[in-house]
Amino acid sequence: MAKAYRCDLCNRFVDDCYSVDGIDIYPRELREMGIKKDSKYEVKEVCEDCHDKLKSMANKIFEENHKAITEK
Protein backbone atom coordinates (compact mmCIF):
# COMPACT_ATOMS: atom_id res chain seq x y z
CA MET A 1 0.00 0.00 0.00
CA ALA A 2 1.35 3.44 -0.95
CA LYS A 3 1.79 6.10 1.69
CA ALA A 4 -0.07 9.40 1.29
CA TYR A 5 1.14 12.71 2.64
CA ARG A 6 -0.85 15.85 3.34
CA CYS A 7 0.71 19.15 2.35
CA ASP A 8 0.94 21.48 5.37
CA LEU A 9 0.15 24.50 3.20
CA CYS A 10 -2.59 23.50 0.76
CA ASN A 11 -3.87 20.39 2.59
CA ARG A 12 -3.76 18.35 -0.62
CA PHE A 13 -2.93 14.66 -0.39
CA VAL A 14 0.08 13.59 -2.47
CA ASP A 15 2.09 10.38 -2.99
CA ASP A 16 5.42 12.11 -2.39
CA CYS A 17 6.35 15.21 -0.45
CA TYR A 18 9.26 17.50 0.31
CA SER A 19 10.41 17.59 3.91
CA VAL A 20 11.10 21.15 5.03
CA ASP A 21 11.49 20.67 8.77
CA GLY A 22 10.98 23.63 11.01
CA ILE A 23 10.38 26.42 8.51
CA ASP A 24 8.23 29.15 10.03
CA ILE A 25 6.17 31.08 7.54
CA TYR A 26 4.49 34.32 8.49
CA PRO A 27 0.99 35.49 7.41
CA ARG A 28 2.33 38.12 4.98
CA GLU A 29 4.30 35.46 3.12
CA LEU A 30 1.38 33.03 3.14
CA ARG A 31 -0.94 35.68 1.69
CA GLU A 32 1.57 36.35 -1.09
CA MET A 33 1.49 32.62 -1.87
CA GLY A 34 -2.34 32.66 -1.95
CA ILE A 35 -2.82 30.81 1.36
CA LYS A 36 -5.13 32.26 4.00
CA LYS A 37 -3.75 31.66 7.50
CA ASP A 38 -3.90 34.21 10.31
CA SER A 39 -0.85 33.31 12.36
CA LYS A 40 2.70 32.06 12.06
CA TYR A 41 2.60 28.54 10.71
CA GLU A 42 5.19 25.77 11.05
CA VAL A 43 5.69 23.74 7.89
CA LYS A 44 7.13 20.21 7.80
CA GLU A 45 5.90 18.49 4.62
CA VAL A 46 4.81 20.16 1.38
CA CYS A 47 3.74 19.09 -2.09
CA GLU A 48 5.80 19.94 -5.16
CA ASP A 49 3.70 22.99 -6.08
CA CYS A 50 3.99 24.51 -2.60
CA HIS A 51 7.70 23.65 -2.50
CA ASP A 52 8.18 25.68 -5.69
CA LYS A 53 6.20 28.55 -4.14
CA LEU A 54 8.37 28.39 -1.00
CA LYS A 55 11.56 28.49 -3.06
CA SER A 56 10.26 31.46 -5.01
CA MET A 57 9.26 33.26 -1.79
CA ALA A 58 12.66 32.56 -0.21
CA ASN A 59 14.45 33.93 -3.27
CA LYS A 60 12.28 37.05 -3.23
CA ILE A 61 12.96 37.67 0.47
CA PHE A 62 16.69 37.10 -0.05
CA GLU A 63 16.78 39.54 -2.97
CA GLU A 64 14.85 42.19 -0.99
CA ASN A 65 17.19 41.83 2.00
CA HIS A 66 20.29 41.86 -0.21
CA LYS A 67 19.07 44.96 -2.03
CA ALA A 68 18.35 46.73 1.28
CA ILE A 69 21.85 45.93 2.58
CA THR A 70 23.68 46.97 -0.58
CA GLU A 71 21.78 50.29 -0.83
CA LYS A 72 23.13 51.46 2.54
PDB file of N, CA and C in Angstrom:
ATOM      1  N   MET A   1       0.837  -1.167   0.000  1.00  0.00           N
ATOM      2  CA  MET A   1       0.000   0.000   0.000  1.00  0.00           C
ATOM      3  C   MET A   1       0.894   1.246   0.000  1.00  0.00           C
ATOM      4  N   ALA A   2       0.570   2.208  -0.837  1.00  0.00           N
ATOM      5  CA  ALA A   2       1.347   3.439  -0.945  1.00  0.00           C
ATOM      6  C   ALA A   2       1.011   4.366   0.216  1.00  0.00           C
ATOM      7  N   LYS A   3       1.989   5.140   0.616  1.00  0.00           N
ATOM      8  CA  LYS A   3       1.787   6.096   1.689  1.00  0.00           C
ATOM      9  C   LYS A   3       1.346   7.433   1.100  1.00  0.00           C
ATOM     10  N   ALA A   4       0.413   8.085   1.740  1.00  0.00           N
ATOM     11  CA  ALA A   4      -0.065   9.399   1.295  1.00  0.00           C
ATOM     12  C   ALA A   4       0.377  10.443   2.307  1.00  0.00           C
ATOM     13  N   TYR A   5       0.730  11.588   1.805  1.00  0.00           N
ATOM     14  CA  TYR A   5       1.140  12.705   2.639  1.00  0.00           C
ATOM     15  C   TYR A   5       0.151  13.846   2.432  1.00  0.00           C
ATOM     16  N   ARG A   6      -0.009  14.658   3.460  1.00  0.00           N
ATOM     17  CA  ARG A   6      -0.852  15.849   3.342  1.00  0.00           C
ATOM     18  C   ARG A   6       0.043  17.069   3.409  1.00  0.00           C
ATOM     19  N   CYS A   7      -0.079  17.915   2.402  1.00  0.00           N
ATOM     20  CA  CYS A   7       0.710  19.147   2.354  1.00  0.00           C
ATOM     21  C   CYS A   7       0.273  20.067   3.493  1.00  0.00           C
ATOM     22  N   ASP A   8       1.236  20.591   4.241  1.00  0.00           N
ATOM     23  CA  ASP A   8       0.937  21.482   5.371  1.00  0.00           C
ATOM     24  C   ASP A   8       0.400  22.835   4.923  1.00  0.00           C
ATOM     25  N   LEU A   9       0.597  23.198   3.670  1.00  0.00           N
ATOM     26  CA  LEU A   9       0.149  24.504   3.202  1.00  0.00           C
ATOM     27  C   LEU A   9      -1.200  24.453   2.486  1.00  0.00           C
ATOM     28  N   CYS A  10      -1.349  23.535   1.538  1.00  0.00           N
ATOM     29  CA  CYS A  10      -2.588  23.502   0.756  1.00  0.00           C
ATOM     30  C   CYS A  10      -3.528  22.368   1.169  1.00  0.00           C
ATOM     31  N   ASN A  11      -3.085  21.517   2.085  1.00  0.00           N
ATOM     32  CA  ASN A  11      -3.870  20.386   2.594  1.00  0.00           C
ATOM     33  C   ASN A  11      -4.224  19.343   1.546  1.00  0.00           C
ATOM     34  N   ARG A  12      -3.523  19.338   0.433  1.00  0.00           N
ATOM     35  CA  ARG A  12      -3.761  18.353  -0.621  1.00  0.00           C
ATOM     36  C   ARG A  12      -3.006  17.073  -0.292  1.00  0.00           C
ATOM     37  N   PHE A  13      -3.606  15.938  -0.574  1.00  0.00           N
ATOM     38  CA  PHE A  13      -2.931  14.659  -0.386  1.00  0.00           C
ATOM     39  C   PHE A  13      -2.087  14.347  -1.611  1.00  0.00           C
ATOM     40  N   VAL A  14      -0.841  13.921  -1.381  1.00  0.00           N
ATOM     41  CA  VAL A  14       0.078  13.587  -2.471  1.00  0.00           C
ATOM     42  C   VAL A  14       0.806  12.290  -2.141  1.00  0.00           C
ATOM     43  N   ASP A  15       1.337  11.625  -3.168  1.00  0.00           N
ATOM     44  CA  ASP A  15       2.094  10.383  -2.987  1.00  0.00           C
ATOM     45  C   ASP A  15       3.494  10.636  -2.448  1.00  0.00           C
ATOM     46  N   ASP A  16       4.051  11.783  -2.782  1.00  0.00           N
ATOM     47  CA  ASP A  16       5.419  12.111  -2.387  1.00  0.00           C
ATOM     48  C   ASP A  16       5.434  13.549  -1.909  1.00  0.00           C
ATOM     49  N   CYS A  17       6.307  13.845  -0.969  1.00  0.00           N
ATOM     50  CA  CYS A  17       6.354  15.208  -0.448  1.00  0.00           C
ATOM     51  C   CYS A  17       7.801  15.636  -0.238  1.00  0.00           C
ATOM     52  N   TYR A  18       7.968  16.927  -0.043  1.00  0.00           N
ATOM     53  CA  TYR A  18       9.260  17.498   0.315  1.00  0.00           C
ATOM     54  C   TYR A  18       9.246  17.741   1.815  1.00  0.00           C
ATOM     55  N   SER A  19      10.294  17.349   2.480  1.00  0.00           N
ATOM     56  CA  SER A  19      10.414  17.589   3.912  1.00  0.00           C
ATOM     57  C   SER A  19      11.155  18.903   4.108  1.00  0.00           C
ATOM     58  N   VAL A  20      10.517  19.842   4.772  1.00  0.00           N
ATOM     59  CA  VAL A  20      11.104  21.150   5.026  1.00  0.00           C
ATOM     60  C   VAL A  20      10.994  21.442   6.520  1.00  0.00           C
ATOM     61  N   ASP A  21      11.627  20.616   7.311  1.00  0.00           N
ATOM     62  CA  ASP A  21      11.487  20.668   8.765  1.00  0.00           C
ATOM     63  C   ASP A  21      11.745  22.050   9.351  1.00  0.00           C
ATOM     64  N   GLY A  22      10.794  22.468  10.163  1.00  0.00           N
ATOM     65  CA  GLY A  22      10.980  23.628  11.012  1.00  0.00           C
ATOM     66  C   GLY A  22      10.981  24.976  10.341  1.00  0.00           C
ATOM     67  N   ILE A  23      10.457  25.107   9.144  1.00  0.00           N
ATOM     68  CA  ILE A  23      10.379  26.421   8.512  1.00  0.00           C
ATOM     69  C   ILE A  23       9.154  27.126   9.063  1.00  0.00           C
ATOM     70  N   ASP A  24       9.353  28.347   9.576  1.00  0.00           N
ATOM     71  CA  ASP A  24       8.229  29.152  10.035  1.00  0.00           C
ATOM     72  C   ASP A  24       7.880  30.139   8.939  1.00  0.00           C
ATOM     73  N   ILE A  25       6.629  30.172   8.578  1.00  0.00           N
ATOM     74  CA  ILE A  25       6.165  31.077   7.541  1.00  0.00           C
ATOM     75  C   ILE A  25       5.160  32.028   8.166  1.00  0.00           C
ATOM     76  N   TYR A  26       5.316  33.299   7.877  1.00  0.00           N
ATOM     77  CA  TYR A  26       4.488  34.320   8.487  1.00  0.00           C
ATOM     78  C   TYR A  26       3.296  34.667   7.588  1.00  0.00           C
ATOM     79  N   PRO A  27       2.222  35.231   8.168  1.00  0.00           N
ATOM     80  CA  PRO A  27       0.992  35.494   7.410  1.00  0.00           C
ATOM     81  C   PRO A  27       1.199  36.305   6.134  1.00  0.00           C
ATOM     82  N   ARG A  28       2.080  37.304   6.175  1.00  0.00           N
ATOM     83  CA  ARG A  28       2.329  38.118   4.984  1.00  0.00           C
ATOM     84  C   ARG A  28       2.828  37.244   3.830  1.00  0.00           C
ATOM     85  N   GLU A  29       3.747  36.343   4.139  1.00  0.00           N
ATOM     86  CA  GLU A  29       4.300  35.463   3.120  1.00  0.00           C
ATOM     87  C   GLU A  29       3.259  34.464   2.628  1.00  0.00           C
ATOM     88  N   LEU A  30       2.442  33.956   3.538  1.00  0.00           N
ATOM     89  CA  LEU A  30       1.383  33.027   3.144  1.00  0.00           C
ATOM     90  C   LEU A  30       0.378  33.705   2.222  1.00  0.00           C
ATOM     91  N   ARG A  31       0.013  34.956   2.548  1.00  0.00           N
ATOM     92  CA  ARG A  31      -0.939  35.678   1.694  1.00  0.00           C
ATOM     93  C   ARG A  31      -0.362  35.880   0.298  1.00  0.00           C
ATOM     94  N   GLU A  32       0.934  36.175   0.212  1.00  0.00           N
ATOM     95  CA  GLU A  32       1.570  36.349  -1.092  1.00  0.00           C
ATOM     96  C   GLU A  32       1.564  35.049  -1.892  1.00  0.00           C
ATOM     97  N   MET A  33       1.530  33.925  -1.201  1.00  0.00           N
ATOM     98  CA  MET A  33       1.487  32.619  -1.865  1.00  0.00           C
ATOM     99  C   MET A  33       0.050  32.190  -2.156  1.00  0.00           C
ATOM    100  N   GLY A  34      -0.945  32.987  -1.708  1.00  0.00           N
ATOM    101  CA  GLY A  34      -2.343  32.659  -1.945  1.00  0.00           C
ATOM    102  C   GLY A  34      -2.946  31.741  -0.904  1.00  0.00           C
ATOM    103  N   ILE A  35      -2.342  31.683   0.289  1.00  0.00           N
ATOM    104  CA  ILE A  35      -2.816  30.812   1.362  1.00  0.00           C
ATOM    105  C   ILE A  35      -3.315  31.683   2.503  1.00  0.00           C
ATOM    106  N   LYS A  36      -4.529  31.430   2.966  1.00  0.00           N
ATOM    107  CA  LYS A  36      -5.134  32.259   4.004  1.00  0.00           C
ATOM    108  C   LYS A  36      -4.961  31.611   5.369  1.00  0.00           C
ATOM    109  N   LYS A  37      -3.979  32.061   6.104  1.00  0.00           N
ATOM    110  CA  LYS A  37      -3.754  31.656   7.500  1.00  0.00           C
ATOM    111  C   LYS A  37      -3.517  32.939   8.285  1.00  0.00           C
ATOM    112  N   ASP A  38      -3.965  32.979   9.542  1.00  0.00           N
ATOM    113  CA  ASP A  38      -3.897  34.211  10.314  1.00  0.00           C
ATOM    114  C   ASP A  38      -2.720  34.301  11.275  1.00  0.00           C
ATOM    115  N   SER A  39      -1.956  33.259  11.416  1.00  0.00           N
ATOM    116  CA  SER A  39      -0.848  33.313  12.363  1.00  0.00           C
ATOM    117  C   SER A  39       0.363  32.598  11.784  1.00  0.00           C
ATOM    118  N   LYS A  40       1.487  32.742  12.482  1.00  0.00           N
ATOM    119  CA  LYS A  40       2.699  32.059  12.060  1.00  0.00           C
ATOM    120  C   LYS A  40       2.406  30.574  11.982  1.00  0.00           C
ATOM    121  N   TYR A  41       2.972  29.917  11.005  1.00  0.00           N
ATOM    122  CA  TYR A  41       2.601  28.539  10.711  1.00  0.00           C
ATOM    123  C   TYR A  41       3.860  27.722  10.483  1.00  0.00           C
ATOM    124  N   GLU A  42       4.026  26.625  11.229  1.00  0.00           N
ATOM    125  CA  GLU A  42       5.191  25.765  11.052  1.00  0.00           C
ATOM    126  C   GLU A  42       4.905  24.743   9.956  1.00  0.00           C
ATOM    127  N   VAL A  43       5.859  24.623   9.047  1.00  0.00           N
ATOM    128  CA  VAL A  43       5.693  23.740   7.894  1.00  0.00           C
ATOM    129  C   VAL A  43       6.696  22.606   7.995  1.00  0.00           C
ATOM    130  N   LYS A  44       6.240  21.371   7.754  1.00  0.00           N
ATOM    131  CA  LYS A  44       7.131  20.212   7.799  1.00  0.00           C
ATOM    132  C   LYS A  44       7.147  19.436   6.488  1.00  0.00           C
ATOM    133  N   GLU A  45       5.977  19.253   5.866  1.00  0.00           N
ATOM    134  CA  GLU A  45       5.896  18.493   4.618  1.00  0.00           C
ATOM    135  C   GLU A  45       5.034  19.269   3.629  1.00  0.00           C
ATOM    136  N   VAL A  46       5.545  19.405   2.405  1.00  0.00           N
ATOM    137  CA  VAL A  46       4.815  20.155   1.384  1.00  0.00           C
ATOM    138  C   VAL A  46       4.815  19.402   0.061  1.00  0.00           C
ATOM    139  N   CYS A  47       3.810  19.678  -0.758  1.00  0.00           N
ATOM    140  CA  CYS A  47       3.737  19.091  -2.094  1.00  0.00           C
ATOM    141  C   CYS A  47       4.702  19.838  -3.019  1.00  0.00           C
ATOM    142  N   GLU A  48       4.847  19.342  -4.217  1.00  0.00           N
ATOM    143  CA  GLU A  48       5.799  19.939  -5.160  1.00  0.00           C
ATOM    144  C   GLU A  48       5.414  21.374  -5.516  1.00  0.00           C
ATOM    145  N   ASP A  49       4.127  21.642  -5.722  1.00  0.00           N
ATOM    146  CA  ASP A  49       3.695  22.994  -6.077  1.00  0.00           C
ATOM    147  C   ASP A  49       4.011  23.992  -4.960  1.00  0.00           C
ATOM    148  N   CYS A  50       3.709  23.622  -3.735  1.00  0.00           N
ATOM    149  CA  CYS A  50       3.988  24.508  -2.600  1.00  0.00           C
ATOM    150  C   CYS A  50       5.494  24.639  -2.366  1.00  0.00           C
ATOM    151  N   HIS A  51       6.242  23.587  -2.631  1.00  0.00           N
ATOM    152  CA  HIS A  51       7.699  23.650  -2.504  1.00  0.00           C
ATOM    153  C   HIS A  51       8.254  24.679  -3.481  1.00  0.00           C
ATOM    154  N   ASP A  52       7.745  24.686  -4.702  1.00  0.00           N
ATOM    155  CA  ASP A  52       8.175  25.683  -5.688  1.00  0.00           C
ATOM    156  C   ASP A  52       7.808  27.090  -5.243  1.00  0.00           C
ATOM    157  N   LYS A  53       6.618  27.244  -4.657  1.00  0.00           N
ATOM    158  CA  LYS A  53       6.204  28.551  -4.139  1.00  0.00           C
ATOM    159  C   LYS A  53       7.112  28.998  -2.996  1.00  0.00           C
ATOM    160  N   LEU A  54       7.476  28.061  -2.104  1.00  0.00           N
ATOM    161  CA  LEU A  54       8.368  28.389  -0.995  1.00  0.00           C
ATOM    162  C   LEU A  54       9.743  28.830  -1.502  1.00  0.00           C
ATOM    163  N   LYS A  55      10.264  28.115  -2.498  1.00  0.00           N
ATOM    164  CA  LYS A  55      11.564  28.486  -3.063  1.00  0.00           C
ATOM    165  C   LYS A  55      11.497  29.872  -3.680  1.00  0.00           C
ATOM    166  N   SER A  56      10.433  30.151  -4.391  1.00  0.00           N
ATOM    167  CA  SER A  56      10.263  31.461  -5.009  1.00  0.00           C
ATOM    168  C   SER A  56      10.171  32.556  -3.949  1.00  0.00           C
ATOM    169  N   MET A  57       9.406  32.291  -2.883  1.00  0.00           N
ATOM    170  CA  MET A  57       9.264  33.263  -1.794  1.00  0.00           C
ATOM    171  C   MET A  57      10.596  33.489  -1.097  1.00  0.00           C
ATOM    172  N   ALA A  58      11.354  32.432  -0.859  1.00  0.00           N
ATOM    173  CA  ALA A  58      12.661  32.562  -0.205  1.00  0.00           C
ATOM    174  C   ALA A  58      13.610  33.380  -1.070  1.00  0.00           C
ATOM    175  N   ASN A  59      13.600  33.143  -2.370  1.00  0.00           N
ATOM    176  CA  ASN A  59      14.450  33.927  -3.270  1.00  0.00           C
ATOM    177  C   ASN A  59      14.057  35.393  -3.262  1.00  0.00           C
ATOM    178  N   LYS A  60      12.756  35.669  -3.261  1.00  0.00           N
ATOM    179  CA  LYS A  60      12.277  37.050  -3.233  1.00  0.00           C
ATOM    180  C   LYS A  60      12.711  37.758  -1.952  1.00  0.00           C
ATOM    181  N   ILE A  61      12.560  37.086  -0.809  1.00  0.00           N
ATOM    182  CA  ILE A  61      12.959  37.674   0.469  1.00  0.00           C
ATOM    183  C   ILE A  61      14.469  37.909   0.500  1.00  0.00           C
ATOM    184  N   PHE A  62      15.244  36.949  -0.005  1.00  0.00           N
ATOM    185  CA  PHE A  62      16.688  37.100  -0.047  1.00  0.00           C
ATOM    186  C   PHE A  62      17.072  38.302  -0.910  1.00  0.00           C
ATOM    187  N   GLU A  63      16.466  38.425  -2.083  1.00  0.00           N
ATOM    188  CA  GLU A  63      16.778  39.540  -2.969  1.00  0.00           C
ATOM    189  C   GLU A  63      16.417  40.876  -2.338  1.00  0.00           C
ATOM    190  N   GLU A  64      15.263  40.942  -1.655  1.00  0.00           N
ATOM    191  CA  GLU A  64      14.850  42.191  -0.990  1.00  0.00           C
ATOM    192  C   GLU A  64      15.845  42.563   0.114  1.00  0.00           C
ATOM    193  N   ASN A  65      16.239  41.563   0.921  1.00  0.00           N
ATOM    194  CA  ASN A  65      17.188  41.832   2.004  1.00  0.00           C
ATOM    195  C   ASN A  65      18.552  42.222   1.449  1.00  0.00           C
ATOM    196  N   HIS A  66      19.005  41.550   0.401  1.00  0.00           N
ATOM    197  CA  HIS A  66      20.291  41.865  -0.208  1.00  0.00           C
ATOM    198  C   HIS A  66      20.281  43.262  -0.795  1.00  0.00           C
ATOM    199  N   LYS A  67      19.193  43.617  -1.437  1.00  0.00           N
ATOM    200  CA  LYS A  67      19.066  44.960  -2.029  1.00  0.00           C
ATOM    201  C   LYS A  67      19.093  46.026  -0.934  1.00  0.00           C
ATOM    202  N   ALA A  68      18.378  45.777   0.175  1.00  0.00           N
ATOM    203  CA  ALA A  68      18.354  46.734   1.283  1.00  0.00           C
ATOM    204  C   ALA A  68      19.731  46.927   1.889  1.00  0.00           C
ATOM    205  N   ILE A  69      20.498  45.849   1.995  1.00  0.00           N
ATOM    206  CA  ILE A  69      21.849  45.928   2.581  1.00  0.00           C
ATOM    207  C   ILE A  69      22.805  46.656   1.642  1.00  0.00           C
ATOM    208  N   THR A  70      22.739  46.374   0.364  1.00  0.00           N
ATOM    209  CA  THR A  70      23.678  46.967  -0.581  1.00  0.00           C
ATOM    210  C   THR A  70      23.364  48.427  -0.867  1.00  0.00           C
ATOM    211  N   GLU A  71      22.140  48.887  -0.613  1.00  0.00           N
ATOM    212  CA  GLU A  71      21.785  50.285  -0.833  1.00  0.00           C
ATOM    213  C   GLU A  71      22.284  51.195   0.279  1.00  0.00           C
ATOM    214  N   LYS A  72      22.671  50.631   1.399  1.00  0.00           N
ATOM    215  CA  LYS A  72      23.134  51.457   2.537  1.00  0.00           C
ATOM    216  C   LYS A  72      24.486  52.037   2.282  1.00  0.00           C
TER     217      LYS A  72
END
